[in-house]
C-alpha atoms as a PDB file:
ATOM      1  CA  VAL A   1     -37.512 133.849-112.639  1.00  0.00           C
ATOM      2  CA  LYS A   2     -34.535 132.554-110.704  1.00  0.00           C
ATOM      3  CA  ASN A   3     -35.755 134.291-107.521  1.00  0.00           C
ATOM      4  CA  LYS A   4     -39.230 132.825-107.966  1.00  0.00           C
ATOM      5  CA  GLY A   5     -37.678 129.365-108.257  1.00  0.00           C
ATOM      6  CA  HIS A   6     -35.721 129.869-105.037  1.00  0.00           C
ATOM      7  CA  ALA A   7     -38.841 131.120-103.266  1.00  0.00           C
ATOM      8  CA  THR A   8     -40.792 128.084-104.412  1.00  0.00           C
ATOM      9  CA  LEU A   9     -38.021 125.764-103.191  1.00  0.00           C
ATOM     10  CA  VAL A  10     -37.851 127.497 -99.815  1.00  0.00           C
ATOM     11  CA  GLY A  11     -41.627 127.369 -99.490  1.00  0.00           C
ATOM     12  CA  ALA A  12     -41.683 123.669-100.283  1.00  0.00           C
ATOM     13  CA  PHE A  13     -38.937 123.062 -97.734  1.00  0.00           C
ATOM     14  CA  VAL A  14     -40.842 124.979 -95.062  1.00  0.00           C
ATOM     15  CA  VAL A  15     -44.082 123.144 -95.806  1.00  0.00           C
ATOM     16  CA  GLY A  16     -42.268 119.817 -95.679  1.00  0.00           C
ATOM     17  CA  ALA A  17     -40.642 120.729 -92.372  1.00  0.00           C
ATOM     18  CA  PHE A  18     -44.023 121.675 -90.913  1.00  0.00           C
ATOM     19  CA  ALA A  19     -45.503 118.423 -92.170  1.00  0.00           C
ATOM     20  CA  ILE A  20     -42.711 116.428 -90.551  1.00  0.00           C
ATOM     21  CA  LEU A  21     -43.105 118.393 -87.314  1.00  0.00           C
ATOM     22  CA  ILE A  22     -46.855 117.846 -87.245  1.00  0.00           C
ATOM     23  CA  GLY A  23     -46.371 114.156 -87.971  1.00  0.00           C
ATOM     24  CA  PHE A  24     -43.778 113.851 -85.203  1.00  0.00           C
ATOM     25  CA  VAL A  25     -46.034 115.609 -82.704  1.00  0.00           C
ATOM     26  CA  ALA A  26     -48.975 113.448 -83.702  1.00  0.00           C
ATOM     27  CA  PHE A  27     -46.869 110.293 -83.453  1.00  0.00           C
ATOM     28  CA  THR A  28     -45.319 111.094 -80.091  1.00  0.00           C
ATOM     29  CA  GLY A  29     -48.612 112.390 -78.785  1.00  0.00           C
ATOM     30  CA  GLY A  30     -50.294 109.197 -79.867  1.00  0.00           C
ATOM     31  CA  MET A  31     -47.561 107.141 -78.243  1.00  0.00           C
ATOM     32  CA  THR A  32     -47.934 109.158 -75.051  1.00  0.00           C
ATOM     33  CA  THR A  33     -51.682 108.647 -75.146  1.00  0.00           C
ATOM     34  CA  LEU A  34     -51.234 104.919 -75.615  1.00  0.00           C
ATOM     35  CA  ARG A  35     -48.691 104.759 -72.799  1.00  0.00           C
ATOM     36  CA  ASP A  36     -51.013 106.691 -70.522  1.00  0.00           C
ATOM     37  CA  GLN A  37     -53.608 103.982 -71.126  1.00  0.00           C
ATOM     38  CA  ASN A  38     -51.203 101.233 -70.078  1.00  0.00           C
ATOM     39  CA  GLU A  39     -51.787  99.636 -66.692  1.00  0.00           C
ATOM     40  CA  ARG A  40     -49.198 100.110 -63.969  1.00  0.00           C
ATOM     41  CA  PHE A  41     -48.730  98.154 -60.777  1.00  0.00           C
ATOM     42  CA  VAL A  42     -46.368  98.100 -57.805  1.00  0.00           C
ATOM     43  CA  LEU A  43     -44.691  94.969 -56.459  1.00  0.00           C
ATOM     44  CA  VAL A  44     -42.659  94.681 -53.268  1.00  0.00           C
ATOM     45  CA  PHE A  45     -40.007  91.961 -53.202  1.00  0.00           C
ATOM     46  CA  HIS A  46     -38.664  91.066 -49.764  1.00  0.00           C
ATOM     47  CA  GLU A  47     -35.282  89.999 -51.111  1.00  0.00           C
ATOM     48  CA  ASN A  48     -32.247  91.374 -52.925  1.00  0.00           C
ATOM     49  CA  ILE A  49     -33.239  92.813 -56.338  1.00  0.00           C
ATOM     50  CA  TYR A  50     -29.677  93.124 -57.642  1.00  0.00           C
ATOM     51  CA  GLY A  51     -29.855  92.512 -61.405  1.00  0.00           C
ATOM     52  CA  LEU A  52     -33.341  93.993 -61.873  1.00  0.00           C
ATOM     53  CA  ASN A  53     -32.849  97.081 -64.032  1.00  0.00           C
ATOM     54  CA  GLU A  54     -35.034  99.931 -65.198  1.00  0.00           C
ATOM     55  CA  GLY A  55     -36.508  98.881 -68.521  1.00  0.00           C
ATOM     56  CA  GLY A  56     -36.145  95.213 -67.623  1.00  0.00           C
ATOM     57  CA  LYS A  57     -38.795  92.933 -69.001  1.00  0.00           C
ATOM     58  CA  VAL A  58     -42.030  91.922 -67.330  1.00  0.00           C
ATOM     59  CA  THR A  59     -43.555  88.633 -68.475  1.00  0.00           C
ATOM     60  CA  MET A  60     -46.816  86.758 -68.041  1.00  0.00           C
ATOM     61  CA  ASN A  61     -46.102  83.035 -67.831  1.00  0.00           C
ATOM     62  CA  GLY A  62     -42.815  83.730 -69.630  1.00  0.00           C
ATOM     63  CA  VAL A  63     -44.279  85.930 -72.423  1.00  0.00           C
ATOM     64  CA  ARG A  64     -43.160  89.551 -72.381  1.00  0.00           C
ATOM     65  CA  ILE A  65     -46.010  91.991 -71.753  1.00  0.00           C
ATOM     66  CA  GLY A  66     -44.297  95.006 -70.186  1.00  0.00           C
ATOM     67  CA  ARG A  67     -41.281  96.557 -68.530  1.00  0.00           C
ATOM     68  CA  VAL A  68     -39.892  97.774 -65.226  1.00  0.00           C
ATOM     69  CA  GLU A  69     -40.607 101.501 -65.195  1.00  0.00           C
ATOM     70  CA  ARG A  70     -38.954 102.684 -61.997  1.00  0.00           C
ATOM     71  CA  PHE A  71     -38.090 102.008 -58.350  1.00  0.00           C
ATOM     72  CA  PHE A  72     -39.172 103.813 -55.175  1.00  0.00           C
ATOM     73  CA  LEU A  73     -36.136 104.420 -53.003  1.00  0.00           C
ATOM     74  CA  GLY A  74     -36.343 106.243 -49.724  1.00  0.00           C
ATOM     75  CA  ASP A  75     -36.645 103.811 -46.835  1.00  0.00           C
ATOM     76  CA  ALA A  76     -33.418 104.197 -44.866  1.00  0.00           C
ATOM     77  CA  ALA A  77     -33.833 100.939 -42.966  1.00  0.00           C
ATOM     78  CA  GLN A  78     -31.158  98.380 -43.735  1.00  0.00           C
ATOM     79  CA  GLY A  79     -32.445  95.551 -45.890  1.00  0.00           C
ATOM     80  CA  ALA A  80     -35.764  97.314 -46.462  1.00  0.00           C
ATOM     81  CA  PRO A  81     -37.617  96.178 -49.607  1.00  0.00           C
ATOM     82  CA  VAL A  82     -37.692  98.517 -52.609  1.00  0.00           C
ATOM     83  CA  PRO A  83     -41.099  98.851 -54.321  1.00  0.00           C
ATOM     84  CA  VAL A  84     -40.941  98.265 -58.083  1.00  0.00           C
ATOM     85  CA  LEU A  85     -43.277  99.940 -60.584  1.00  0.00           C
ATOM     86  CA  ILE A  86     -44.087  97.883 -63.677  1.00  0.00           C
ATOM     87  CA  GLU A  87     -45.900  98.954 -66.845  1.00  0.00           C
ATOM     88  CA  ILE A  88     -48.103  96.515 -68.785  1.00  0.00           C
ATOM     89  CA  ASN A  89     -47.821  97.400 -72.476  1.00  0.00           C
ATOM     90  CA  ARG A  90     -51.216  96.967 -74.152  1.00  0.00           C
ATOM     91  CA  LYS A  91     -49.516  96.668 -77.533  1.00  0.00           C
ATOM     92  CA  TYR A  92     -47.650  93.566 -76.358  1.00  0.00           C
ATOM     93  CA  VAL A  93     -50.781  92.172 -74.724  1.00  0.00           C
ATOM     94  CA  ARG A  94     -52.926  92.649 -77.830  1.00  0.00           C
ATOM     95  CA  ARG A  95     -50.255  91.067 -79.991  1.00  0.00           C
ATOM     96  CA  HIS A  96     -50.154  87.865 -77.945  1.00  0.00           C
ATOM     97  CA  MET A  97     -53.605  87.592 -76.334  1.00  0.00           C
ATOM     98  CA  ALA A  98     -56.199  85.105 -77.528  1.00  0.00           C
ATOM     99  CA  GLU A  99     -59.031  86.976 -79.188  1.00  0.00           C
ATOM    100  CA  GLN A 100     -61.822  84.682 -78.032  1.00  0.00           C
ATOM    101  CA  ASP A 101     -62.668  83.390 -74.571  1.00  0.00           C
ATOM    102  CA  ASN A 102     -59.676  85.097 -73.003  1.00  0.00           C
ATOM    103  CA  GLU A 103     -59.718  84.446 -69.263  1.00  0.00           C
ATOM    104  CA  LEU A 104     -56.892  86.855 -68.405  1.00  0.00           C
ATOM    105  CA  PHE A 105     -57.484  90.027 -70.420  1.00  0.00           C
ATOM    106  CA  ASP A 106     -60.506  91.999 -71.610  1.00  0.00           C
ATOM    107  CA  ASP A 107     -60.953  93.363 -75.119  1.00  0.00           C
ATOM    108  CA  ASP A 108     -58.837  96.449 -74.303  1.00  0.00           C
ATOM    109  CA  GLY A 109     -55.861  94.327 -73.259  1.00  0.00           C
ATOM    110  CA  LYS A 110     -56.309  94.976 -69.546  1.00  0.00           C
ATOM    111  CA  PHE A 111     -56.373  92.432 -66.755  1.00  0.00           C
ATOM    112  CA  ARG A 112     -59.814  91.254 -65.775  1.00  0.00           C
ATOM    113  CA  PRO A 113     -60.679  92.359 -62.198  1.00  0.00           C
ATOM    114  CA  ASP A 114     -61.332  88.816 -60.962  1.00  0.00           C
ATOM    115  CA  VAL A 115     -58.000  87.667 -62.415  1.00  0.00           C
ATOM    116  CA  LEU A 116     -55.974  90.567 -61.073  1.00  0.00           C
ATOM    117  CA  SER A 117     -56.723  89.630 -57.461  1.00  0.00           C
ATOM    118  CA  ARG A 118     -55.086  86.212 -57.972  1.00  0.00           C
ATOM    119  CA  ILE A 119     -51.883  87.212 -59.752  1.00  0.00           C
ATOM    120  CA  GLU A 120     -48.460  86.984 -58.107  1.00  0.00           C
ATOM    121  CA  GLY A 121     -45.095  88.335 -59.195  1.00  0.00           C
ATOM    122  CA  GLN A 122     -41.751  86.582 -58.858  1.00  0.00           C
ATOM    123  CA  LEU A 123     -38.153  87.475 -59.660  1.00  0.00           C
ATOM    124  CA  VAL A 124     -36.670  85.118 -62.243  1.00  0.00           C
ATOM    125  CA  GLN A 125     -32.994  84.665 -63.114  1.00  0.00           C
ATOM    126  CA  GLU A 126     -32.590  85.252 -66.855  1.00  0.00           C
ATOM    127  CA  SER A 127     -28.902  84.353 -67.021  1.00  0.00           C
ATOM    128  CA  PHE A 128     -26.286  83.343 -64.486  1.00  0.00           C
ATOM    129  CA  VAL A 129     -23.656  84.857 -66.776  1.00  0.00           C
ATOM    130  CA  THR A 130     -25.090  88.384 -66.854  1.00  0.00           C
ATOM    131  CA  GLY A 131     -26.894  88.238 -63.515  1.00  0.00           C
ATOM    132  CA  ILE A 132     -29.972  89.881 -65.063  1.00  0.00           C
ATOM    133  CA  ILE A 133     -33.320  89.159 -63.449  1.00  0.00           C
ATOM    134  CA  TYR A 134     -36.829  90.076 -64.526  1.00  0.00           C
ATOM    135  CA  VAL A 135     -40.381  90.048 -63.172  1.00  0.00           C
ATOM    136  CA  ASN A 136     -42.680  87.181 -64.108  1.00  0.00           C
ATOM    137  CA  LEU A 137     -46.405  87.293 -63.356  1.00  0.00           C
ATOM    138  CA  GLU A 138     -48.484  84.163 -62.889  1.00  0.00           C
ATOM    139  CA  TYR A 139     -52.200  83.626 -62.416  1.00  0.00           C
ATOM    140  CA  ASP A 140     -53.387  80.896 -60.075  1.00  0.00           C
ATOM    141  CA  PRO A 141     -57.167  80.539 -59.654  1.00  0.00           C
ATOM    142  CA  LEU A 142     -56.602  78.557 -56.443  1.00  0.00           C
ATOM    143  CA  LEU A 143     -54.903  81.469 -54.708  1.00  0.00           C
ATOM    144  CA  PRO A 144     -56.957  83.288 -52.079  1.00  0.00           C
ATOM    145  CA  GLU A 145     -58.222  86.629 -53.295  1.00  0.00           C
ATOM    146  CA  PHE A 146     -55.689  89.353 -52.526  1.00  0.00           C
ATOM    147  CA  ASN A 147     -57.058  92.450 -50.819  1.00  0.00           C
ATOM    148  CA  ALA A 148     -55.199  94.943 -52.993  1.00  0.00           C
ATOM    149  CA  SER A 149     -53.919  98.173 -51.510  1.00  0.00           C
ATOM    150  CA  MET A 150     -52.585 101.325 -53.130  1.00  0.00           C
ATOM    151  CA  LEU A 151     -48.864 101.998 -52.873  1.00  0.00           C
ATOM    152  CA  HIS A 152     -47.297 105.170 -54.282  1.00  0.00           C
ATOM    153  CA  GLY A 153     -50.552 105.793 -56.130  1.00  0.00           C
ATOM    154  CA  TYR A 154     -50.653 102.399 -57.880  1.00  0.00           C
ATOM    155  CA  ARG A 155     -52.380  99.113 -57.180  1.00  0.00           C
ATOM    156  CA  GLU A 156     -50.146  96.542 -55.509  1.00  0.00           C
ATOM    157  CA  ILE A 157     -49.651  93.035 -56.855  1.00  0.00           C
ATOM    158  CA  PRO A 158     -48.443  90.494 -54.267  1.00  0.00           C
ATOM    159  CA  SER A 159     -45.096  88.801 -54.711  1.00  0.00           C
ATOM    160  CA  ARG A 160     -43.586  85.490 -53.713  1.00  0.00           C
ATOM    161  CA  LYS A 161     -40.014  84.365 -53.114  1.00  0.00           C
ATOM    162  CA  SER A 162     -37.740  83.600 -56.021  1.00  0.00           C
ATOM    163  CA  THR A 163     -36.410  80.079 -56.527  1.00  0.00           C
ATOM    164  CA  LEU A 164     -32.975  81.092 -55.252  1.00  0.00           C
ATOM    165  CA  GLU A 165     -34.495  82.733 -52.189  1.00  0.00           C
ATOM    166  CA  GLU A 166     -36.605  79.647 -51.460  1.00  0.00           C
ATOM    167  CA  LEU A 167     -33.514  77.457 -51.768  1.00  0.00           C
ATOM    168  CA  SER A 168     -31.547  79.722 -49.455  1.00  0.00           C
ATOM    169  CA  ALA A 169     -34.403  79.762 -46.954  1.00  0.00           C
ATOM    170  CA  SER A 170     -34.761  75.979 -47.041  1.00  0.00           C
ATOM    171  CA  LEU A 171     -31.047  75.495 -46.398  1.00  0.00           C
ATOM    172  CA  ASP A 172     -30.892  78.210 -43.741  1.00  0.00           C
ATOM    173  CA  PRO A 173     -27.130  77.796 -43.169  1.00  0.00           C
ATOM    174  CA  GLU A 174     -27.148  80.264 -40.302  1.00  0.00           C
ATOM    175  CA  ARG A 175     -29.698  78.253 -38.322  1.00  0.00           C
ATOM    176  CA  LEU A 176     -27.900  74.979 -39.058  1.00  0.00           C
ATOM    177  CA  GLY A 177     -24.601  76.536 -38.032  1.00  0.00           C
ATOM    178  CA  LYS A 178     -26.059  77.695 -34.728  1.00  0.00           C
ATOM    179  CA  GLN A 179     -27.498  74.250 -34.072  1.00  0.00           C
ATOM    180  CA  LEU A 180     -24.152  72.603 -34.798  1.00  0.00           C
ATOM    181  CA  ASN A 181     -22.388  75.043 -32.492  1.00  0.00           C
ATOM    182  CA  GLN A 182     -24.889  74.201 -29.770  1.00  0.00           C
ATOM    183  CA  LEU A 183     -24.360  70.497 -30.434  1.00  0.00           C
ATOM    184  CA  LEU A 184     -20.605  70.966 -30.221  1.00  0.00           C
ATOM    185  CA  GLY A 185     -20.887  72.806 -26.928  1.00  0.00           C
ATOM    186  CA  SER A 186     -23.310  70.273 -25.470  1.00  0.00           C
ATOM    187  CA  ALA A 187     -21.201  67.314 -26.592  1.00  0.00           C
ATOM    188  CA  ASN A 188     -18.032  68.755 -25.112  1.00  0.00           C
ATOM    189  CA  GLN A 189     -19.853  69.605 -21.907  1.00  0.00           C
ATOM    190  CA  ARG A 190     -21.298  66.104 -21.577  1.00  0.00           C
ATOM    191  CA  LEU A 191     -17.912  64.531 -22.229  1.00  0.00           C
ATOM    192  CA  GLU A 192     -16.350  66.753 -19.592  1.00  0.00           C
ATOM    193  CA  GLU A 193     -19.109  65.863 -17.135  1.00  0.00           C
ATOM    194  CA  LEU A 194     -18.360  62.144 -17.466  1.00  0.00           C
ATOM    195  CA  ASP A 195     -16.557  61.032 -14.315  1.00  0.00           C
ATOM    196  CA  VAL A 196     -14.231  58.654 -16.136  1.00  0.00           C
ATOM    197  CA  ILE A 197     -12.215  57.828 -13.015  1.00  0.00           C
ATOM    198  CA  SER A 198     -15.323  56.829 -11.047  1.00  0.00           C
ATOM    199  CA  ILE A 199     -16.613  54.743 -13.943  1.00  0.00           C
ATOM    200  CA  LYS A 200     -13.234  53.058 -14.264  1.00  0.00           C
ATOM    201  CA  GLU A 201     -12.966  52.301 -10.539  1.00  0.00           C
ATOM    202  CA  SER A 202     -16.541  51.053 -10.367  1.00  0.00           C
ATOM    203  CA  PHE A 203     -16.020  48.792 -13.346  1.00  0.00           C
ATOM    204  CA  ARG A 204     -12.727  47.527 -11.906  1.00  0.00           C
ATOM    205  CA  SER A 205     -14.323  46.860  -8.511  1.00  0.00           C
ATOM    206  CA  SER A 206     -17.144  44.919 -10.158  1.00  0.00           C
ATOM    207  CA  SER A 207     -14.638  42.904 -12.148  1.00  0.00           C
ATOM    208  CA  GLU A 208     -12.624  42.037  -9.032  1.00  0.00           C
ATOM    209  CA  ASP A 209     -15.756  41.014  -7.145  1.00  0.00           C
ATOM    210  CA  PHE A 210     -16.847  38.885 -10.072  1.00  0.00           C
ATOM    211  CA  ARG A 211     -13.379  37.288 -10.278  1.00  0.00           C
ATOM    212  CA  ALA A 212     -13.406  36.481  -6.554  1.00  0.00           C
ATOM    213  CA  PHE A 213     -16.860  34.966  -6.922  1.00  0.00           C
ATOM    214  CA  ILE A 214     -15.711  32.780  -9.821  1.00  0.00           C
ATOM    215  CA  GLU A 215     -12.668  31.554  -7.878  1.00  0.00           C
ATOM    216  CA  LYS A 216     -14.741  30.637  -4.835  1.00  0.00           C
ATOM    217  CA  PHE A 217     -17.370  29.054  -7.055  1.00  0.00           C
ATOM    218  CA  SER A 218     -14.729  26.975  -8.827  1.00  0.00           C
ATOM    219  CA  GLU A 219     -13.153  25.851  -5.568  1.00  0.00           C
ATOM    220  CA  ALA A 220     -16.475  24.924  -3.989  1.00  0.00           C
ATOM    221  CA  PHE A 221     -18.292  23.303  -6.898  1.00  0.00           C
ATOM    222  CA  GLY A 222     -15.524  22.284  -9.318  1.00  0.00           C
ATOM    223  CA  PRO A 223     -15.297  18.738  -7.958  1.00  0.00           C
ATOM    224  CA  LEU A 224     -19.033  18.161  -8.468  1.00  0.00           C
ATOM    225  CA  GLY A 225     -18.738  17.435 -12.159  1.00  0.00           C
ATOM    226  CA  PRO A 226     -17.512  18.469 -15.588  1.00  0.00           C
ATOM    227  CA  GLN A 227     -20.588  20.586 -16.338  1.00  0.00           C
ATOM    228  CA  ILE A 228     -19.970  22.799 -13.335  1.00  0.00           C
ATOM    229  CA  GLY A 229     -16.332  23.100 -14.371  1.00  0.00           C
ATOM    230  CA  ALA A 230     -17.314  24.122 -17.895  1.00  0.00           C
ATOM    231  CA  ALA A 231     -19.649  26.789 -16.527  1.00  0.00           C
ATOM    232  CA  SER A 232     -16.832  28.051 -14.362  1.00  0.00           C
ATOM    233  CA  ASP A 233     -14.526  28.285 -17.389  1.00  0.00           C
ATOM    234  CA  GLU A 234     -17.187  30.246 -19.349  1.00  0.00           C
ATOM    235  CA  ALA A 235     -17.581  32.653 -16.468  1.00  0.00           C
ATOM    236  CA  ALA A 236     -13.823  33.154 -16.346  1.00  0.00           C
ATOM    237  CA  GLN A 237     -13.784  33.920 -20.068  1.00  0.00           C
ATOM    238  CA  THR A 238     -16.587  36.437 -19.532  1.00  0.00           C
ATOM    239  CA  LEU A 239     -14.475  38.092 -16.871  1.00  0.00           C
ATOM    240  CA  VAL A 240     -11.590  38.433 -19.351  1.00  0.00           C
ATOM    241  CA  GLU A 241     -13.894  40.075 -21.895  1.00  0.00           C
ATOM    242  CA  MET A 242     -15.206  42.468 -19.256  1.00  0.00           C
ATOM    243  CA  ARG A 243     -11.657  43.495 -18.425  1.00  0.00           C
ATOM    244  CA  LYS A 244     -10.992  44.192 -22.111  1.00  0.00           C
ATOM    245  CA  LEU A 245     -14.162  46.268 -22.263  1.00  0.00           C
ATOM    246  CA  SER A 246     -13.074  48.214 -19.217  1.00  0.00           C
ATOM    247  CA  VAL A 247      -9.714  49.026 -20.815  1.00  0.00           C
ATOM    248  CA  SER A 248     -11.348  50.063 -24.102  1.00  0.00           C
ATOM    249  CA  LEU A 249     -13.902  52.254 -22.349  1.00  0.00           C
ATOM    250  CA  ASN A 250     -11.195  53.909 -20.322  1.00  0.00           C
ATOM    251  CA  ARG A 251      -9.148  54.671 -23.430  1.00  0.00           C
ATOM    252  CA  MET A 252     -12.136  56.005 -25.361  1.00  0.00           C
ATOM    253  CA  LEU A 253     -13.312  58.366 -22.632  1.00  0.00           C
ATOM    254  CA  ASP A 254      -9.882  59.620 -21.695  1.00  0.00           C
ATOM    255  CA  PRO A 255      -9.632  63.436 -22.271  1.00  0.00           C
ATOM    256  CA  SER A 256      -6.582  62.897 -24.479  1.00  0.00           C
ATOM    257  CA  SER A 257      -8.098  60.026 -26.469  1.00  0.00           C
ATOM    258  CA  ASP A 258      -8.373  60.089 -30.249  1.00  0.00           C
ATOM    259  CA  PHE A 259     -12.134  59.568 -29.991  1.00  0.00           C
ATOM    260  CA  ARG A 260     -12.813  62.711 -28.013  1.00  0.00           C
ATOM    261  CA  PHE A 261     -10.332  64.721 -30.039  1.00  0.00           C
ATOM    262  CA  GLY A 262     -11.703  63.438 -33.352  1.00  0.00           C
ATOM    263  CA  PHE A 263     -15.307  63.983 -32.284  1.00  0.00           C
ATOM    264  CA  GLY A 264     -14.618  67.568 -31.305  1.00  0.00           C
ATOM    265  CA  GLU A 265     -12.644  68.235 -34.486  1.00  0.00           C
ATOM    266  CA  THR A 266     -15.425  66.780 -36.633  1.00  0.00           C
ATOM    267  CA  LEU A 267     -18.044  69.001 -35.053  1.00  0.00           C
ATOM    268  CA  ARG A 268     -15.825  72.059 -35.449  1.00  0.00           C
ATOM    269  CA  GLU A 269     -15.215  71.256 -39.126  1.00  0.00           C
ATOM    270  CA  ILE A 270     -18.944  70.829 -39.724  1.00  0.00           C
ATOM    271  CA  SER A 271     -19.567  74.175 -38.031  1.00  0.00           C
ATOM    272  CA  GLN A 272     -16.970  75.865 -40.243  1.00  0.00           C
ATOM    273  CA  ALA A 273     -18.489  74.228 -43.329  1.00  0.00           C
ATOM    274  CA  MET A 274     -21.933  75.580 -42.455  1.00  0.00           C
ATOM    275  CA  LYS A 275     -20.495  79.068 -41.995  1.00  0.00           C
ATOM    276  CA  ALA A 276     -18.845  78.796 -45.415  1.00  0.00           C
ATOM    277  CA  LEU A 277     -22.142  77.618 -46.906  1.00  0.00           C
ATOM    278  CA  LYS A 278     -23.924  80.641 -45.430  1.00  0.00           C
ATOM    279  CA  THR A 279     -21.284  82.951 -46.910  1.00  0.00           C
ATOM    280  CA  LEU A 280     -21.718  81.290 -50.312  1.00  0.00           C
ATOM    281  CA  ALA A 281     -25.506  81.592 -50.131  1.00  0.00           C
ATOM    282  CA  ASP A 282     -25.254  85.295 -49.251  1.00  0.00           C
ATOM    283  CA  LEU A 283     -22.818  85.867 -52.141  1.00  0.00           C
ATOM    284  CA  LEU A 284     -25.064  84.112 -54.671  1.00  0.00           C
ATOM    285  CA  GLU A 285     -28.078  86.047 -53.416  1.00  0.00           C
ATOM    286  CA  ARG A 286     -26.293  89.375 -53.961  1.00  0.00           C
ATOM    287  CA  ASN A 287     -24.493  88.379 -57.150  1.00  0.00           C
ATOM    288  CA  PRO A 288     -25.828  85.162 -58.755  1.00  0.00           C
ATOM    289  CA  GLN A 289     -23.374  85.213 -61.687  1.00  0.00           C
ATOM    290  CA  ALA A 290     -20.493  84.848 -59.226  1.00  0.00           C
ATOM    291  CA  VAL A 291     -20.855  81.078 -59.615  1.00  0.00           C
ATOM    292  CA  LEU A 292     -19.436  81.511 -63.137  1.00  0.00           C
ATOM    293  CA  ARG A 293     -17.326  84.651 -62.859  1.00  0.00           C
ATOM    294  CA  GLY A 294     -15.939  84.226 -59.373  1.00  0.00           C
ATOM    295  CA  LYS A 295     -16.252  86.645 -56.494  1.00  0.00           C
ATOM    296  CA  GLY A 296     -14.148  89.392 -58.094  1.00  0.00           C
ATOM    297  CA  GLU A 297     -14.233  92.958 -56.877  1.00  0.00           C
ATOM    298  CA  ASP A 298     -17.328  94.509 -55.332  1.00  0.00           C
ATOM    299  CA  GLN A 299     -19.163  96.767 -57.719  1.00  0.00           C
ATOM    300  CA  GLU A 300     -19.488 100.373 -56.900  1.00  0.00           C
END
């Protein structure tokens, strides 16, 4: 009797184990079948994708509908874009999609063909603290229809620049720095080309000629009346002002003057500031959370 009880217990255990195994196989097989029915697309981002991880979320207008499945490494060119494979989870789509008059998805939770040709992907910064980024998809009916191609066996979805990349491109510190360097060189060259001595001598000669004219004019026409004398005095005062201008111009254009030194120093400081801005932009592009954490050590 005792042996029969043990046999019954063992038999029940075996049957239960088989039932669990069959249920597990059915469950995982069903999950695999569902995953095989999910849509997959490839996006190519022409920017740094640091912070985009495998399993990272994929959203549609901010609502999660999938994940980043994998990357396609292999292009040895420096700075070459890395294609990203995303998976659209039908379970997520069905959970959040409108059941009636849905313009984005069909009844199976798949993108409508006319919609798919006008969808763009963009990298979005989730947190400056963690540096994590994700892929957000947006539909714009005004976009021109994209002639989709196949990449690594999957349909490609076009991408556009991230907000940080657009900001970096609009600033373009490298271009501004080059322009400032050119301005600095041109300004210094033009200042060096100024023949200060000739200008000074010409101005002095004109002043002397004007002074001689005023003296002769005063001697010849001074006795004619007070109005002529007043005009002569005004002309003499003008001559004094011209002499002051000559002295000031000479001082300003002198190679050792504060003006030329300060102008050159200002341009050099602006050039250095633009180089620093470019370095900062490059750092934030590679590691956006550095604005909170600091530069720190480079990650392996």
